[in-house]
Amino acid sequence: MPTWLMLIQIATSIALIGVVLFQSRKAGQGGGIFGGGTFADHRGRKGKEVLLLKITTAIAVLFMFSSIMISIYR
């Protein structure tokens, strides 16, 4: 397995943890963890929350892509 691929995996996992920790948690919205969240939940978000949501999505996609690439190289 290439070293550069492992470094990308480690960097994206650390970045994903960091971005998730920066997101604000609102009381009573833990139901989204189990699939209770809908697209309508994103309407009330503003400014920083929207940016963090987009960054989280982008890093998560990169993390999944690097995970798939690691499994292919094995």
Protein backbone atom coordinates (compact mmCIF):
# COMPACT_ATOMS: atom_id res chain seq x y z
CA MET A 1 0.00 0.00 0.00
CA PRO A 2 1.45 3.38 -0.96
CA THR A 3 2.62 5.61 1.87
CA TRP A 4 1.05 8.70 0.33
CA LEU A 5 -2.36 7.05 0.42
CA MET A 6 -2.00 6.29 4.13
CA LEU A 7 -0.95 9.89 4.79
CA ILE A 8 -4.04 11.17 2.96
CA GLN A 9 -6.21 8.82 5.02
CA ILE A 10 -4.68 10.00 8.31
CA ALA A 11 -4.89 13.68 7.36
CA THR A 12 -8.52 13.45 6.25
CA SER A 13 -9.53 11.57 9.39
CA ILE A 14 -7.93 14.19 11.63
CA ALA A 15 -9.51 16.99 9.58
CA LEU A 16 -12.92 15.31 9.73
CA ILE A 17 -12.72 14.98 13.50
CA GLY A 18 -11.71 18.63 13.81
CA VAL A 19 -14.50 19.94 11.58
CA VAL A 20 -17.14 17.88 13.38
CA LEU A 21 -15.96 19.20 16.73
CA PHE A 22 -16.32 22.79 15.50
CA GLN A 23 -19.97 22.31 14.60
CA SER A 24 -22.51 23.61 17.07
CA ARG A 25 -24.82 21.13 18.73
CA LYS A 26 -28.39 22.10 19.33
CA ALA A 27 -30.38 20.41 22.09
CA GLY A 28 -32.95 17.90 20.93
CA GLN A 29 -31.45 17.31 17.50
CA GLY A 30 -29.67 14.07 18.30
CA GLY A 31 -32.29 12.17 16.31
CA GLY A 32 -30.39 12.96 13.12
CA ILE A 33 -27.75 10.46 14.17
CA PHE A 34 -30.20 7.62 13.62
CA GLY A 35 -31.59 8.88 10.32
CA GLY A 36 -34.17 11.28 11.72
CA GLY A 37 -32.69 14.32 10.01
CA THR A 38 -34.23 15.59 6.79
CA PHE A 39 -33.28 18.15 4.20
CA ALA A 40 -35.70 20.56 5.87
CA ASP A 41 -33.38 20.63 8.91
CA HIS A 42 -30.81 22.58 6.89
CA ARG A 43 -33.09 25.54 6.16
CA GLY A 44 -32.42 27.25 9.50
CA ARG A 45 -28.65 27.15 9.15
CA LYS A 46 -26.76 30.36 8.53
CA GLY A 47 -23.25 31.52 7.66
CA LYS A 48 -20.67 29.48 9.52
CA GLU A 49 -22.95 26.46 9.92
CA VAL A 50 -23.51 26.17 6.16
CA LEU A 51 -19.78 26.49 5.49
CA LEU A 52 -18.94 23.83 8.09
CA LEU A 53 -21.58 21.53 6.63
CA LYS A 54 -20.07 21.85 3.14
CA ILE A 55 -16.53 21.36 4.44
CA THR A 56 -17.62 18.31 6.44
CA THR A 57 -19.29 16.82 3.37
CA ALA A 58 -16.23 17.42 1.19
CA ILE A 59 -13.82 15.91 3.72
CA ALA A 60 -16.13 12.92 4.28
CA VAL A 61 -16.24 12.24 0.53
CA LEU A 62 -12.44 12.47 0.35
CA PHE A 63 -12.18 10.10 3.33
CA MET A 64 -14.50 7.56 1.68
CA PHE A 65 -12.61 7.82 -1.61
CA SER A 66 -9.26 7.23 0.09
CA SER A 67 -10.75 4.27 2.00
CA ILE A 68 -11.91 2.73 -1.27
CA MET A 69 -8.50 3.32 -2.84
CA ILE A 70 -6.79 1.63 0.12
CA SER A 71 -9.06 -1.40 -0.19
CA ILE A 72 -8.32 -1.61 -3.94
CA TYR A 73 -4.55 -1.47 -3.40
CA ARG A 74 -4.63 -4.31 -0.84
